[in-house]
N, C-alpha and C. Protein backbone atom coordinates (compact mmCIF):
# COMPACT_ATOMS: atom_id res chain seq x y z
N MET A 1 65.01 -4.24 90.26
CA MET A 1 64.71 -2.91 90.30
C MET A 1 65.57 -2.43 89.15
N ASN A 2 66.99 -2.78 88.49
CA ASN A 2 67.57 -2.24 87.41
C ASN A 2 67.30 -2.32 85.94
N TYR A 3 66.21 -3.04 85.76
CA TYR A 3 65.29 -2.72 84.97
C TYR A 3 64.51 -1.38 84.87
N LEU A 4 63.37 -1.29 85.84
CA LEU A 4 63.16 -0.37 86.33
C LEU A 4 63.94 0.93 85.99
N ASN A 5 65.51 1.25 86.55
CA ASN A 5 66.46 2.18 86.65
C ASN A 5 66.62 2.42 85.50
N LEU A 6 66.79 1.35 84.46
CA LEU A 6 67.24 1.57 82.91
C LEU A 6 66.25 2.12 82.35
N LEU A 7 64.97 1.43 82.42
CA LEU A 7 63.66 2.22 81.75
C LEU A 7 63.78 3.67 82.01
N LEU A 8 63.62 4.27 83.39
CA LEU A 8 63.80 5.57 83.63
C LEU A 8 64.65 6.64 83.03
N ALA A 9 66.12 5.85 82.56
CA ALA A 9 67.20 6.51 82.21
C ALA A 9 67.04 6.85 81.23
N LEU A 10 66.56 5.66 80.50
CA LEU A 10 65.98 5.59 78.53
C LEU A 10 65.41 7.23 78.37
N GLY A 11 64.31 6.57 79.35
CA GLY A 11 63.21 8.00 79.15
C GLY A 11 63.25 9.03 78.94
N GLY A 12 64.20 9.08 80.42
CA GLY A 12 64.92 10.49 80.58
C GLY A 12 65.95 11.47 79.48
N TRP A 13 66.62 10.26 78.35
CA TRP A 13 67.15 10.48 77.44
C TRP A 13 66.48 10.54 76.21
N MET A 14 65.15 10.27 76.62
CA MET A 14 64.50 9.96 75.36
C MET A 14 64.33 12.01 75.23
N VAL A 15 63.70 11.97 76.74
CA VAL A 15 62.75 13.47 76.36
C VAL A 15 63.74 14.44 76.37
N ALA A 16 64.90 14.18 77.22
CA ALA A 16 65.94 15.48 76.54
C ALA A 16 66.38 15.65 75.45
N THR A 17 66.43 14.40 74.68
CA THR A 17 66.84 14.62 73.13
C THR A 17 65.91 15.29 72.42
N ILE A 18 64.84 14.79 72.74
CA ILE A 18 63.61 15.57 71.74
C ILE A 18 63.33 17.31 72.29
N GLN A 19 63.48 17.63 73.13
CA GLN A 19 63.76 18.50 74.07
C GLN A 19 64.83 19.65 73.24
N PHE A 20 65.71 18.99 72.58
CA PHE A 20 67.20 19.78 72.59
C PHE A 20 66.58 19.81 71.08
N LEU A 21 66.10 18.52 70.48
CA LEU A 21 65.57 18.52 68.92
C LEU A 21 64.56 20.19 68.34
N ILE A 22 63.96 20.23 69.54
CA ILE A 22 62.49 21.22 69.49
C ILE A 22 63.03 22.29 69.59
N SER A 23 64.12 23.19 70.49
CA SER A 23 65.21 23.50 71.08
C SER A 23 66.01 24.23 70.16
N PHE A 24 66.54 23.56 69.02
CA PHE A 24 67.13 23.43 67.99
C PHE A 24 66.44 23.78 66.62
N ARG A 25 65.52 23.30 66.12
CA ARG A 25 64.63 23.48 65.12
C ARG A 25 64.02 25.09 65.21
N GLU A 26 63.87 25.17 66.68
CA GLU A 26 62.86 26.26 67.41
C GLU A 26 64.66 27.78 66.52
N THR A 27 65.52 27.44 67.26
CA THR A 27 66.69 28.52 66.92
C THR A 27 66.97 28.77 65.76
N ARG A 28 66.98 27.48 64.52
CA ARG A 28 67.64 27.31 63.57
C ARG A 28 66.32 28.48 62.78
N ARG A 29 65.32 28.17 63.10
CA ARG A 29 63.69 29.10 62.18
C ARG A 29 63.95 30.31 62.69
N LYS A 30 64.45 31.12 63.98
CA LYS A 30 64.35 32.10 64.24
C LYS A 30 65.93 33.09 63.76
N GLN A 31 66.97 32.38 63.43
CA GLN A 31 68.16 32.59 62.66
C GLN A 31 67.87 32.72 61.15
N GLU A 32 67.13 31.80 60.56
CA GLU A 32 66.67 31.90 59.08
C GLU A 32 65.65 32.91 59.46
N SER A 33 64.94 33.48 60.21
CA SER A 33 64.14 34.42 59.93
C SER A 33 64.80 35.88 60.07
N GLU A 34 65.89 36.39 61.00
CA GLU A 34 66.70 37.29 61.08
C GLU A 34 67.33 37.11 59.51
N LEU A 35 67.67 36.06 59.28
CA LEU A 35 68.73 36.40 57.97
C LEU A 35 67.69 36.96 56.93
N LEU A 36 66.76 36.23 56.94
CA LEU A 36 65.91 36.55 55.68
C LEU A 36 65.52 38.37 55.74
N GLU A 37 65.14 38.70 56.75
CA GLU A 37 64.75 40.10 57.16
C GLU A 37 66.15 40.92 56.55
N LYS A 38 67.42 40.65 57.01
CA LYS A 38 68.23 41.45 56.75
C LYS A 38 68.56 41.27 55.35
N THR A 39 68.54 40.26 54.27
CA THR A 39 68.27 40.36 52.96
C THR A 39 67.72 40.94 52.53
N LEU A 40 66.56 40.79 52.79
CA LEU A 40 65.45 41.85 52.08
C LEU A 40 65.63 43.48 52.82
N GLY A 41 66.19 43.63 53.72
CA GLY A 41 66.89 45.15 54.25
C GLY A 41 67.62 46.12 53.69
N TYR A 42 68.51 44.83 52.58
CA TYR A 42 69.61 45.35 51.14
C TYR A 42 68.63 46.13 50.46
N PHE A 43 66.86 45.76 50.43
CA PHE A 43 67.05 46.32 49.18
C PHE A 43 66.18 47.47 48.84
N GLY A 44 66.24 48.44 50.03
CA GLY A 44 66.02 49.56 50.11
C GLY A 44 67.28 50.33 50.26
N ASP A 45 68.31 50.30 49.83
CA ASP A 45 69.63 50.82 50.08
C ASP A 45 70.31 51.25 49.20
N GLY A 46 69.93 51.48 47.53
CA GLY A 46 70.97 51.82 46.65
C GLY A 46 71.35 50.81 46.20
N PRO A 47 71.95 50.98 45.55
CA PRO A 47 72.61 49.59 44.30
C PRO A 47 73.42 48.86 44.61
N ILE A 48 74.40 49.39 45.62
CA ILE A 48 75.68 48.22 45.74
C ILE A 48 75.02 47.70 46.96
N LYS A 49 73.75 47.92 47.59
CA LYS A 49 73.27 47.35 48.57
C LYS A 49 72.28 45.98 48.35
N ARG A 50 71.80 47.05 46.66
CA ARG A 50 70.56 45.76 46.19
C ARG A 50 71.28 44.84 45.73
N SER A 51 72.63 44.94 45.05
CA SER A 51 73.20 44.37 44.01
C SER A 51 73.57 42.64 45.91
N ILE A 52 73.59 43.64 47.20
CA ILE A 52 74.01 42.59 47.96
C ILE A 52 73.35 41.53 48.27
N GLY A 53 72.13 42.23 47.87
CA GLY A 53 70.87 41.83 48.38
C GLY A 53 70.50 40.63 47.28
N ILE A 54 70.39 40.91 46.40
CA ILE A 54 70.39 39.97 45.17
C ILE A 54 71.29 38.58 44.95
N SER A 55 72.65 38.91 45.61
CA SER A 55 73.66 37.77 45.61
C SER A 55 73.32 37.13 47.06
N LEU A 56 73.21 37.54 47.89
CA LEU A 56 71.81 36.50 49.04
C LEU A 56 71.38 35.50 48.81
N VAL A 57 69.94 36.56 47.96
CA VAL A 57 68.87 35.74 47.28
C VAL A 57 69.10 34.94 46.29
N GLN A 58 70.67 35.28 45.67
CA GLN A 58 70.97 34.03 45.05
C GLN A 58 72.22 32.61 45.56
N SER A 59 72.56 32.77 46.08
CA SER A 59 73.64 32.18 47.23
C SER A 59 72.59 31.16 48.12
N ILE A 60 71.86 32.35 49.05
CA ILE A 60 71.26 31.12 50.23
C ILE A 60 69.82 30.99 49.79
N TRP A 61 68.97 31.86 49.29
CA TRP A 61 67.52 31.30 49.41
C TRP A 61 67.17 31.10 48.04
N ALA A 62 67.79 31.07 47.06
CA ALA A 62 67.13 30.35 45.70
C ALA A 62 66.76 28.94 45.83
N ARG A 63 67.63 28.18 47.06
CA ARG A 63 67.17 27.00 47.02
C ARG A 63 65.84 26.71 47.78
N ASP A 64 65.46 27.21 48.67
CA ASP A 64 64.55 27.40 49.46
C ASP A 64 63.08 27.87 49.44
N ALA A 65 62.11 26.96 48.76
CA ALA A 65 61.28 27.87 48.16
C ALA A 65 60.04 27.93 48.94
N GLN A 66 60.40 27.13 50.32
CA GLN A 66 59.68 28.06 51.53
C GLN A 66 59.49 29.61 51.55
N HIS A 67 60.80 30.07 51.63
CA HIS A 67 61.17 31.38 51.88
C HIS A 67 61.02 32.34 50.20
N LEU A 68 60.73 32.17 48.96
CA LEU A 68 60.93 32.69 48.00
C LEU A 68 59.27 33.02 48.09
N SER A 69 58.95 32.67 48.32
CA SER A 69 57.28 32.89 48.46
C SER A 69 56.95 34.49 49.15
N VAL A 70 58.01 34.69 49.95
CA VAL A 70 58.40 35.80 50.37
C VAL A 70 58.97 37.05 49.59
N ILE A 71 60.26 36.48 49.18
CA ILE A 71 61.24 37.16 48.36
C ILE A 71 60.38 37.34 47.10
N ILE A 72 60.27 36.66 46.22
CA ILE A 72 59.47 36.83 44.55
C ILE A 72 58.70 38.39 44.65
N PRO A 73 57.80 38.71 45.36
CA PRO A 73 57.09 40.36 45.59
C PRO A 73 57.91 41.04 45.74
N VAL A 74 58.98 40.90 46.47
CA VAL A 74 59.80 41.93 47.01
C VAL A 74 60.94 41.99 45.29
N LEU A 75 61.47 41.01 44.80
CA LEU A 75 62.08 41.34 43.57
C LEU A 75 61.40 42.00 42.48
N VAL A 76 59.79 41.55 42.54
CA VAL A 76 58.83 42.39 41.28
C VAL A 76 58.71 44.03 41.75
N ALA A 77 58.60 44.10 42.62
CA ALA A 77 58.65 45.55 43.49
C ALA A 77 60.06 46.06 42.94
N GLN A 78 61.24 45.62 43.05
CA GLN A 78 62.64 45.91 42.86
C GLN A 78 62.82 46.14 41.40
N LEU A 79 62.46 45.29 40.85
CA LEU A 79 61.88 45.40 39.18
C LEU A 79 61.27 46.08 38.48
N ASN A 80 59.97 46.84 38.80
CA ASN A 80 59.37 47.78 38.86
C ASN A 80 60.08 48.95 38.80
N TYR A 81 60.76 49.50 40.22
CA TYR A 81 61.52 50.27 40.76
C TYR A 81 62.38 50.41 39.64
N LEU A 82 63.20 49.48 39.01
CA LEU A 82 64.50 49.48 38.28
C LEU A 82 63.82 50.29 36.36
N LEU A 83 62.99 49.25 36.48
CA LEU A 83 62.78 49.76 35.39
C LEU A 83 62.07 51.35 34.74
N LEU A 84 61.18 51.95 36.02
CA LEU A 84 60.64 53.40 35.75
C LEU A 84 61.25 53.87 36.60
N GLU A 85 62.00 53.90 37.58
CA GLU A 85 62.15 54.84 38.31
C GLU A 85 63.89 55.20 39.17
N GLY A 86 64.47 53.90 38.64
CA GLY A 86 66.06 53.65 38.95
C GLY A 86 66.94 54.85 38.38
N GLN A 87 68.10 54.56 38.86
CA GLN A 87 69.32 55.58 38.31
C GLN A 87 69.02 55.07 36.95
N THR A 88 69.39 56.51 35.76
CA THR A 88 69.49 56.16 34.74
C THR A 88 70.85 56.27 34.13
N GLU A 89 71.54 56.54 34.79
CA GLU A 89 73.07 56.28 34.60
C GLU A 89 74.10 55.30 35.66
N SER A 90 73.75 54.38 35.80
CA SER A 90 74.10 53.33 36.84
C SER A 90 74.35 51.78 36.47
N ARG A 91 75.42 51.55 36.01
CA ARG A 91 76.14 50.22 35.61
C ARG A 91 75.83 49.04 36.24
N VAL A 92 75.96 49.69 38.07
CA VAL A 92 75.81 48.44 38.57
C VAL A 92 73.87 48.42 38.60
N GLU A 93 73.08 49.36 38.22
CA GLU A 93 71.80 49.13 38.49
C GLU A 93 71.58 48.27 37.08
N GLU A 94 71.83 48.76 36.06
CA GLU A 94 71.83 47.48 35.03
C GLU A 94 71.79 46.41 35.44
N ARG A 95 73.02 45.47 36.05
CA ARG A 95 73.26 44.41 36.30
C ARG A 95 72.26 44.13 37.17
N ASN A 96 72.17 44.67 38.16
CA ASN A 96 70.84 44.57 39.20
C ASN A 96 69.63 44.06 38.74
N LEU A 97 69.36 44.14 37.38
CA LEU A 97 67.91 44.20 36.75
C LEU A 97 68.25 43.24 36.28
N ILE A 98 69.19 43.08 35.25
CA ILE A 98 69.37 41.54 34.61
C ILE A 98 69.42 40.83 35.89
N ARG A 99 69.93 40.70 36.55
CA ARG A 99 70.11 39.24 37.72
C ARG A 99 68.80 39.31 38.22
N ILE A 100 67.77 40.35 38.64
CA ILE A 100 66.72 40.27 39.08
C ILE A 100 65.59 39.45 38.12
N LEU A 101 66.04 40.16 36.74
CA LEU A 101 65.23 39.19 35.88
C LEU A 101 65.27 37.56 35.82
N ASP A 102 66.80 37.67 35.79
CA ASP A 102 67.40 35.76 35.85
C ASP A 102 66.60 35.33 36.79
N LEU A 103 66.76 35.74 38.13
CA LEU A 103 66.39 35.18 39.68
C LEU A 103 64.55 34.84 38.84
N LEU A 104 63.80 36.08 38.67
CA LEU A 104 62.60 36.12 38.18
C LEU A 104 62.14 35.07 37.56
N ARG A 105 62.62 34.63 36.31
CA ARG A 105 62.34 34.08 35.39
C ARG A 105 62.82 32.33 36.06
N PHE A 106 63.78 32.07 36.47
CA PHE A 106 64.14 30.63 36.91
C PHE A 106 63.17 30.52 38.42
N HIS A 107 62.93 31.37 38.93
CA HIS A 107 62.06 31.26 40.51
C HIS A 107 60.40 31.76 40.59
N LEU A 108 59.96 32.41 39.80
CA LEU A 108 58.72 32.81 39.66
C LEU A 108 57.57 31.39 39.35
N ASP A 109 57.73 30.61 39.57
CA ASP A 109 56.59 29.30 39.91
C ASP A 109 56.75 28.87 40.57
N LYS A 110 57.78 30.01 42.14
CA LYS A 110 58.09 29.14 43.51
C LYS A 110 56.76 30.06 44.46
N ALA A 111 56.43 31.27 43.74
CA ALA A 111 55.90 32.00 44.12
C ALA A 111 54.47 31.58 44.99
N SER A 112 53.92 32.63 45.46
CA SER A 112 52.25 32.34 46.68
C SER A 112 51.35 32.10 45.28
N ASP A 113 51.47 33.15 44.41
CA ASP A 113 50.65 33.55 43.16
C ASP A 113 51.70 33.94 41.88
N PRO A 114 52.27 32.50 41.49
CA PRO A 114 52.61 32.93 40.60
C PRO A 114 52.60 33.47 38.76
N ARG A 115 50.90 33.42 38.67
CA ARG A 115 50.32 33.71 37.57
C ARG A 115 50.30 35.41 37.84
N ALA A 116 50.30 35.60 39.20
CA ALA A 116 49.94 37.28 39.33
C ALA A 116 51.20 37.73 39.19
N GLU A 117 52.11 37.24 39.65
CA GLU A 117 53.65 37.83 39.95
C GLU A 117 54.19 38.01 38.40
N ARG A 118 53.39 36.82 37.27
CA ARG A 118 54.36 36.59 36.07
C ARG A 118 53.41 38.04 34.93
N ILE A 119 52.13 38.28 35.69
CA ILE A 119 51.24 39.48 35.54
C ILE A 119 51.71 40.75 35.60
N GLU A 120 52.64 40.88 36.57
CA GLU A 120 52.92 42.11 36.84
C GLU A 120 54.36 42.62 36.70
N VAL A 121 54.90 41.55 36.56
CA VAL A 121 56.11 41.50 35.75
C VAL A 121 56.06 42.09 34.16
N LEU A 122 55.00 40.91 33.49
CA LEU A 122 54.78 41.67 31.96
C LEU A 122 54.25 42.83 32.00
N GLU A 123 53.52 43.28 32.86
CA GLU A 123 53.23 44.88 32.75
C GLU A 123 53.99 45.77 33.01
N ALA A 124 55.16 45.68 34.18
CA ALA A 124 56.14 46.28 34.34
C ALA A 124 56.84 46.72 32.69
N LEU A 125 57.46 45.51 32.38
CA LEU A 125 58.24 45.03 30.96
C LEU A 125 57.22 45.90 29.83
N ASN A 126 55.95 46.38 29.50
CA ASN A 126 55.04 46.63 28.87
C ASN A 126 55.03 48.53 28.96
N ALA A 127 55.13 48.62 30.70
CA ALA A 127 55.13 49.88 31.21
C ALA A 127 56.61 50.31 30.74
N LYS A 128 57.19 50.25 30.60
CA LYS A 128 58.87 50.83 30.52
C LYS A 128 59.14 51.26 28.95
N LEU A 129 58.17 50.62 28.00
CA LEU A 129 57.65 50.68 26.77
C LEU A 129 57.10 52.32 26.63
N TYR A 130 56.71 53.04 27.56
CA TYR A 130 55.76 53.96 27.02
C TYR A 130 56.65 55.29 27.89
N ALA A 131 57.97 54.82 28.79
CA ALA A 131 58.99 55.51 29.62
C ALA A 131 60.47 55.11 29.35
N LEU A 132 60.56 55.06 28.20
CA LEU A 132 62.34 54.21 27.86
C LEU A 132 63.14 55.69 28.54
N ASP A 133 63.08 56.57 28.49
CA ASP A 133 64.07 57.98 29.04
C ASP A 133 63.89 57.43 30.17
N ARG A 134 63.09 56.89 31.16
CA ARG A 134 62.82 56.60 32.80
C ARG A 134 63.48 55.29 32.82
N GLY A 135 64.47 55.10 34.79
CA GLY A 135 64.65 54.20 34.98
C GLY A 135 65.89 53.98 34.48
N VAL A 136 66.33 52.76 34.66
CA VAL A 136 67.51 51.93 33.90
C VAL A 136 67.02 51.84 32.73
N PRO A 137 68.42 52.38 31.56
CA PRO A 137 68.02 51.79 30.05
C PRO A 137 67.73 50.73 29.91
N MET A 138 66.88 50.15 29.28
CA MET A 138 66.95 49.09 28.98
C MET A 138 65.90 49.51 27.04
N GLY A 139 66.50 49.43 25.94
CA GLY A 139 65.77 49.35 24.91
C GLY A 139 64.54 48.36 24.61
N ALA A 140 63.55 48.91 23.51
CA ALA A 140 62.52 48.11 22.92
C ALA A 140 63.13 46.40 22.58
N THR A 141 63.84 46.19 22.01
CA THR A 141 64.32 44.85 21.90
C THR A 141 64.03 44.20 22.59
N GLN A 142 65.55 44.76 23.85
CA GLN A 142 65.56 43.61 24.84
C GLN A 142 64.43 43.41 25.76
N LEU A 143 63.49 44.94 25.45
CA LEU A 143 62.53 44.65 26.71
C LEU A 143 61.53 43.38 25.99
N GLU A 144 61.22 43.27 24.52
CA GLU A 144 60.16 42.16 24.03
C GLU A 144 61.03 40.46 24.29
N VAL A 145 62.41 40.54 24.26
CA VAL A 145 63.18 39.17 24.83
C VAL A 145 62.58 38.97 26.23
N TRP A 146 62.79 39.94 27.34
CA TRP A 146 62.47 39.63 28.45
C TRP A 146 60.92 38.75 28.79
N TYR A 147 59.77 39.55 27.35
CA TYR A 147 58.63 39.83 27.63
C TYR A 147 58.11 38.70 27.22
N ARG A 148 58.66 37.88 25.79
CA ARG A 148 58.71 37.01 25.76
C ARG A 148 58.96 35.84 26.44
N ASP A 149 59.73 36.03 27.35
CA ASP A 149 60.86 35.34 28.01
C ASP A 149 59.69 34.99 29.46
N PHE A 150 58.70 35.53 29.79
CA PHE A 150 57.60 35.65 30.60
C PHE A 150 56.57 34.74 30.15
N GLY A 151 56.26 34.76 28.69
CA GLY A 151 55.46 34.56 28.78
C GLY A 151 54.50 34.93 27.68
N GLY A 152 54.86 36.45 27.53
CA GLY A 152 53.91 37.18 26.89
C GLY A 152 53.94 37.15 25.16
N ASP A 153 52.75 37.83 25.04
CA ASP A 153 52.12 37.31 23.63
C ASP A 153 53.14 38.56 22.42
N ALA A 154 53.70 37.84 21.53
CA ALA A 154 54.38 38.25 20.62
C ALA A 154 53.63 39.43 19.69
N VAL A 155 51.90 38.87 19.64
CA VAL A 155 50.70 40.31 18.60
C VAL A 155 50.96 41.18 19.78
N HIS A 156 50.46 40.63 21.15
CA HIS A 156 50.11 42.28 21.91
C HIS A 156 51.43 43.25 22.68
N TRP A 157 52.68 42.30 22.25
CA TRP A 157 53.56 43.36 22.55
C TRP A 157 54.02 44.28 21.76
N ALA A 158 53.40 43.66 20.01
CA ALA A 158 54.27 44.54 18.39
C ALA A 158 53.00 45.36 18.83
N VAL A 159 51.69 45.32 19.51
CA VAL A 159 50.45 46.23 19.13
C VAL A 159 51.29 47.57 20.51
N GLU A 160 51.49 46.51 21.75
CA GLU A 160 51.78 47.62 22.68
C GLU A 160 52.89 48.80 22.54
N ARG A 161 53.84 47.99 21.75
CA ARG A 161 55.10 48.66 21.23
C ARG A 161 54.88 50.19 20.37
N GLU A 162 53.90 49.37 19.08
CA GLU A 162 53.32 50.86 18.34
C GLU A 162 52.63 51.89 18.96
N ASN A 163 52.03 51.44 19.96
CA ASN A 163 51.07 52.29 20.98
C ASN A 163 52.23 53.20 21.39
N ALA A 164 53.23 52.85 21.88
CA ALA A 164 54.13 53.63 22.77
C ALA A 164 55.05 54.60 22.24
N GLN A 165 55.10 54.24 20.90
CA GLN A 165 55.71 55.00 19.38
C GLN A 165 54.87 56.40 19.06
N ASP A 166 53.67 55.59 19.26
CA ASP A 166 52.30 56.79 18.76
C ASP A 166 52.79 57.54 19.77
N ALA A 167 52.48 57.41 21.13
CA ALA A 167 52.22 58.09 22.52
C ALA A 167 53.22 58.80 22.68
N ARG A 168 54.79 58.51 22.24
CA ARG A 168 55.83 59.28 22.63
C ARG A 168 55.94 60.51 21.66
N LEU A 169 55.73 60.14 19.99
CA LEU A 169 55.50 61.30 19.34
C LEU A 169 54.53 62.35 19.41
N ASN A 170 53.41 61.83 19.65
CA ASN A 170 52.21 63.01 20.21
C ASN A 170 52.93 63.79 21.58
N THR A 171 53.40 63.03 22.41
CA THR A 171 53.94 63.99 23.58
C THR A 171 54.65 64.27 23.50
N SER A 172 56.33 64.23 22.41
CA SER A 172 57.40 65.23 22.05
C SER A 172 57.43 66.50 21.97
N PRO A 173 57.61 67.70 22.48
CA PRO A 173 57.54 68.86 22.11
C PRO A 173 57.43 69.26 20.71
N PRO A 174 57.12 70.40 20.43
CA PRO A 174 57.23 70.74 18.78
C PRO A 174 58.68 71.20 18.36
N ALA A 175 58.98 70.79 17.67
CA ALA A 175 60.71 71.13 16.70
C ALA A 175 60.26 72.92 16.42
């Protein structure tokens, strides 16, 4: 009879341990979800909060490939915003732009669809050529360096750069 009691006690402990581990895992998953939501919330509230969001991505999420598939599209959207619509005279936004480009350069392969995200980054850099006076300042030469870092074609870039210069000349008001 003592063996039966011992076996039942061990079985009870095993069930309790399994329940604890499942509960622990669910709690941890919920906390990660809440932290990710808070992190992404920082990207919509101006330069300083965007900087905090970028720091959180760099320090917490950059090692977590599972969540990067959610974060990378947000970073690409932020890149588009900063290049074409962001504050033009903000040193903080200039740094945010460079930090986002760095994050994307190192982690773009962890996106759900890396090829599509890479194309979107290249298109954003290309669009900036046509709108150098909008968004966070970045010169054509600096844009070209980033374009090549993301696998852009040098010949295509040269043609686009020439087309953008022609477009600016044709749309500038007469003197």
